Protein backbone atom coordinates (compact mmCIF):
# COMPACT_ATOMS: atom_id res chain seq x y z
CA MET A 1 123.11 102.29 96.80
CA LEU A 2 126.12 100.01 97.16
CA ASN A 3 128.28 100.82 100.14
CA GLY A 4 130.48 98.97 102.60
CA LEU A 5 131.89 95.49 102.76
CA TYR A 6 131.28 93.21 99.77
CA VAL A 7 131.95 89.58 100.71
CA ILE A 8 132.73 87.00 98.03
CA THR A 9 132.33 83.36 99.01
CA ASP A 10 134.89 80.70 98.07
CA ASP A 11 134.55 77.12 99.34
CA GLN A 12 138.05 76.08 98.24
CA LEU A 13 140.25 78.35 100.36
CA ARG A 14 139.50 76.66 103.66
CA PRO A 15 138.27 73.08 103.21
CA GLY A 16 135.08 72.29 105.05
CA ARG A 17 133.57 75.76 104.79
CA THR A 18 130.63 75.94 102.42
CA HIS A 19 129.42 78.95 100.48
CA ALA A 20 126.34 79.16 102.69
CA GLU A 21 128.35 78.96 105.93
CA ILE A 22 130.60 81.77 104.77
CA ALA A 23 127.63 83.89 103.75
CA ARG A 24 125.87 83.24 107.05
CA ALA A 25 128.89 84.25 109.14
CA ALA A 26 129.39 87.37 107.04
CA THR A 27 125.77 88.50 107.31
CA GLU A 28 125.79 87.81 111.05
CA GLY A 29 128.83 90.07 111.24
CA GLY A 30 126.98 92.86 109.48
CA ALA A 31 127.87 92.40 105.79
CA ARG A 32 125.01 93.41 103.54
CA ILE A 33 126.45 92.45 100.17
CA ILE A 34 127.29 88.84 99.36
CA GLN A 35 128.53 87.44 96.05
CA MET A 36 128.84 83.74 95.29
CA ARG A 37 131.81 82.84 93.09
CA ASP A 38 132.70 79.29 92.10
CA LYS A 39 134.46 78.68 88.80
CA GLY A 40 134.60 74.90 89.20
CA ALA A 41 131.15 73.92 90.44
CA SER A 42 128.60 72.30 88.16
CA ASP A 43 125.51 74.33 87.39
CA ARG A 44 123.44 72.07 89.66
CA ALA A 45 125.81 72.41 92.61
CA PHE A 46 126.10 76.16 92.06
CA TYR A 47 122.32 76.51 91.85
CA GLU A 48 121.70 74.61 95.08
CA ALA A 49 124.30 76.63 96.98
CA ALA A 50 122.95 79.87 95.50
CA LEU A 51 119.43 78.98 96.62
CA ALA A 52 120.65 78.58 100.20
CA ILE A 53 122.45 81.93 100.08
CA ARG A 54 119.45 83.65 98.51
CA LYS A 55 117.31 82.48 101.45
CA LEU A 56 119.69 83.63 104.17
CA THR A 57 120.50 86.97 102.52
CA ALA A 58 116.80 87.68 102.14
CA GLU A 59 116.33 86.98 105.84
CA ALA A 60 119.28 89.24 106.70
CA GLY A 61 118.20 92.07 104.40
CA ALA A 62 121.39 91.68 102.38
CA LEU A 63 121.96 91.92 98.63
CA PHE A 64 122.94 88.73 96.83
CA PHE A 65 124.97 88.74 93.63
CA VAL A 66 126.05 85.83 91.46
CA ASN A 67 129.39 85.85 89.69
CA ASP A 68 129.22 85.27 85.91
CA ARG A 69 126.35 82.74 85.78
CA VAL A 70 123.51 84.95 84.66
CA HIS A 71 121.08 82.06 84.16
CA ILE A 72 121.52 80.96 87.77
CA ALA A 73 121.12 84.52 89.02
CA ALA A 74 117.79 84.56 87.22
CA ALA A 75 116.78 81.12 88.50
CA VAL A 76 117.35 81.92 92.19
CA GLY A 77 116.10 85.50 92.09
CA ALA A 78 119.46 87.08 92.92
CA ASP A 79 119.59 90.84 93.25
CA GLY A 80 122.21 91.06 90.57
CA VAL A 81 125.24 89.66 88.84
CA ASN A 82 128.88 90.53 88.33
CA VAL A 83 130.31 89.86 84.86
CA GLY A 84 133.79 90.03 83.40
CA GLN A 85 135.18 91.50 80.21
CA THR A 86 134.61 88.27 78.24
CA ASP A 87 131.15 87.49 79.64
CA LEU A 88 127.81 88.64 78.24
CA PRO A 89 127.58 92.40 77.65
CA VAL A 90 125.51 94.53 80.00
CA SER A 91 122.68 94.90 77.47
CA ALA A 92 122.29 91.12 77.16
CA VAL A 93 122.41 90.62 80.92
CA ARG A 94 119.77 93.34 81.33
CA ALA A 95 117.55 91.60 78.78
CA ILE A 96 117.74 88.37 80.79
CA LEU A 97 117.48 89.73 84.32
CA GLY A 98 115.27 92.77 83.79
CA PRO A 99 115.60 96.48 84.53
CA LYS A 100 115.72 96.17 88.32
CA SER A 101 118.71 93.85 88.45
CA ILE A 102 122.03 95.27 89.65
CA ILE A 103 124.78 94.61 87.13
CA GLY A 104 128.46 95.00 87.91
CA VAL A 105 131.33 94.77 85.46
CA SER A 106 134.85 93.73 86.44
CA CYS A 107 137.49 96.11 85.10
CA ASP A 108 141.24 96.39 85.46
CA ASN A 109 141.84 99.78 83.89
CA THR A 110 140.23 103.19 83.63
CA GLU A 111 139.12 102.77 80.02
CA GLN A 112 137.17 99.60 80.84
CA ALA A 113 135.50 101.34 83.77
CA ILE A 114 134.43 104.28 81.61
CA GLN A 115 133.07 101.88 78.97
CA ALA A 116 131.15 99.91 81.61
CA GLU A 117 129.44 103.12 82.67
CA LYS A 118 128.56 103.95 79.06
CA ASP A 119 127.17 100.43 78.60
CA GLY A 120 124.74 100.90 81.48
CA ALA A 121 126.41 99.00 84.31
CA ASP A 122 125.24 99.78 87.84
CA TYR A 123 128.69 99.47 89.40
CA VAL A 124 132.29 98.81 88.49
CA GLY A 125 134.41 96.13 90.13
CA PHE A 126 138.00 97.38 89.94
CA GLY A 127 141.24 95.60 90.68
CA PRO A 128 143.33 93.89 91.70
CA VAL A 129 144.26 96.83 93.91
CA PHE A 130 146.78 94.74 95.87
CA PRO A 131 148.44 91.39 95.08
CA THR A 132 145.97 88.51 95.32
CA SER A 133 146.12 84.74 95.17
CA THR A 134 142.38 84.04 95.11
CA LYS A 135 141.78 84.94 91.45
CA LEU A 136 144.32 83.35 89.15
CA ASP A 137 143.21 85.27 86.05
CA ALA A 138 143.41 88.68 87.71
CA GLY A 139 145.32 91.31 85.79
CA PRO A 140 148.36 93.27 86.98
CA VAL A 141 148.15 95.01 90.35
CA SER A 142 146.72 98.50 89.85
CA GLY A 143 147.48 100.14 93.18
CA VAL A 144 145.56 102.61 95.29
CA GLU A 145 146.36 105.65 93.13
CA THR A 146 144.82 104.05 90.04
CA LEU A 147 141.80 103.12 92.12
CA ARG A 148 141.53 106.76 93.16
CA LEU A 149 141.64 107.84 89.52
CA VAL A 150 138.90 105.39 88.52
CA CYS A 151 136.68 106.58 91.38
CA ALA A 152 137.12 110.13 90.13
CA ARG A 153 136.46 109.31 86.47
CA VAL A 154 133.19 107.37 86.78
CA ALA A 155 129.95 108.32 88.49
CA LEU A 156 129.14 104.69 89.30
CA PRO A 157 129.92 103.09 92.67
CA VAL A 158 133.35 101.43 92.50
CA VAL A 159 133.87 98.10 94.24
CA ALA A 160 137.59 97.69 94.92
CA ILE A 161 138.89 94.12 94.91
CA GLY A 162 142.16 92.24 95.16
CA GLY A 163 144.25 91.56 98.22
CA ILE A 164 142.10 93.70 100.53
CA CYS A 165 142.45 92.89 104.23
CA ALA A 166 142.22 94.54 107.64
CA ALA A 167 145.63 96.14 107.17
CA ASN A 168 144.77 98.03 103.98
CA ILE A 169 140.97 98.33 103.76
CA ALA A 170 141.09 101.90 105.12
CA GLU A 171 143.27 102.91 102.14
CA VAL A 172 140.57 101.64 99.79
CA ALA A 173 137.90 103.67 101.55
CA ALA A 174 140.11 106.77 101.47
CA ALA A 175 140.61 106.36 97.73
CA GLY A 176 136.87 106.76 97.20
CA ALA A 177 135.71 103.18 96.71
CA ALA A 178 132.06 102.65 97.62
CA CYS A 179 132.77 99.06 98.59
CA ALA A 180 135.69 96.84 99.48
CA ALA A 181 135.36 93.30 98.18
CA VAL A 182 137.08 90.62 100.23
CA VAL A 183 137.53 86.87 99.93
CA SER A 184 140.35 85.36 101.99
CA ALA A 185 140.13 88.05 104.68
CA ILE A 186 136.82 86.43 105.66
CA VAL A 187 137.01 82.87 104.36
CA CYS A 188 140.39 82.11 105.91
CA ALA A 189 139.73 83.81 109.24
CA ASP A 190 139.42 81.62 112.31
CA ASP A 191 136.30 83.57 113.28
CA MET A 192 134.57 84.73 110.11
CA LYS A 193 131.89 86.75 111.91
CA GLN A 194 134.43 88.68 113.99
CA ALA A 195 136.62 89.26 110.92
CA THR A 196 133.60 90.75 109.17
CA ILE A 197 132.85 93.06 112.10
CA GLU A 198 136.45 94.29 112.16
CA LEU A 199 136.66 94.87 108.40
CA ILE A 200 133.44 96.88 108.45
CA ARG A 201 134.71 98.95 111.37
CA ARG A 202 137.98 99.75 109.62
CA PHE A 203 136.30 100.59 106.32
CA ARG A 204 133.89 102.98 108.03
CA SER A 205 136.37 104.58 110.39
CA GLY A 206 139.28 104.80 107.99
CA VAL A 207 141.73 103.19 110.45
């Protein structure tokens, strides 16, 4: 069952920090869900970084998801994959990765979330809940009330994403999201491990 902090790696936000270093700090801070996202990397570079993350997440007992690149998720033995509205449909992803793989679908409105559930997704990624600068193709900001509506309309776990930080993560939890996905709140922190600890505390406590 998906629950808690969902950390997405990005090696461009703070130069010098690799995907693996971000994932290691996050897992050391208690995160148990890591997703690797890199729109610009070659397949070879992505694969090598994903292999490193697969190893450290396995050691930490954490789930590892790959963003979009289903073939690499299969190659490294990732626990699952997150796909967008223009990526392969859930049925095709399931055929490639098998019945045990966890498949998430990114949605930016209630209708897409309902359709993802009908299609057999395991979770819905919903957002952006707040303004974000880390995903240039994100849709319009949905807000916490729309997030609350989506959580009420689908039986799947909802992973809230978009502009989530220590100041607002409690709102996401209160709206019913199973997970809060963060990027810059970890990647850009001076101490990534401590930032992870604090985000988890706030999500769980609601303050």
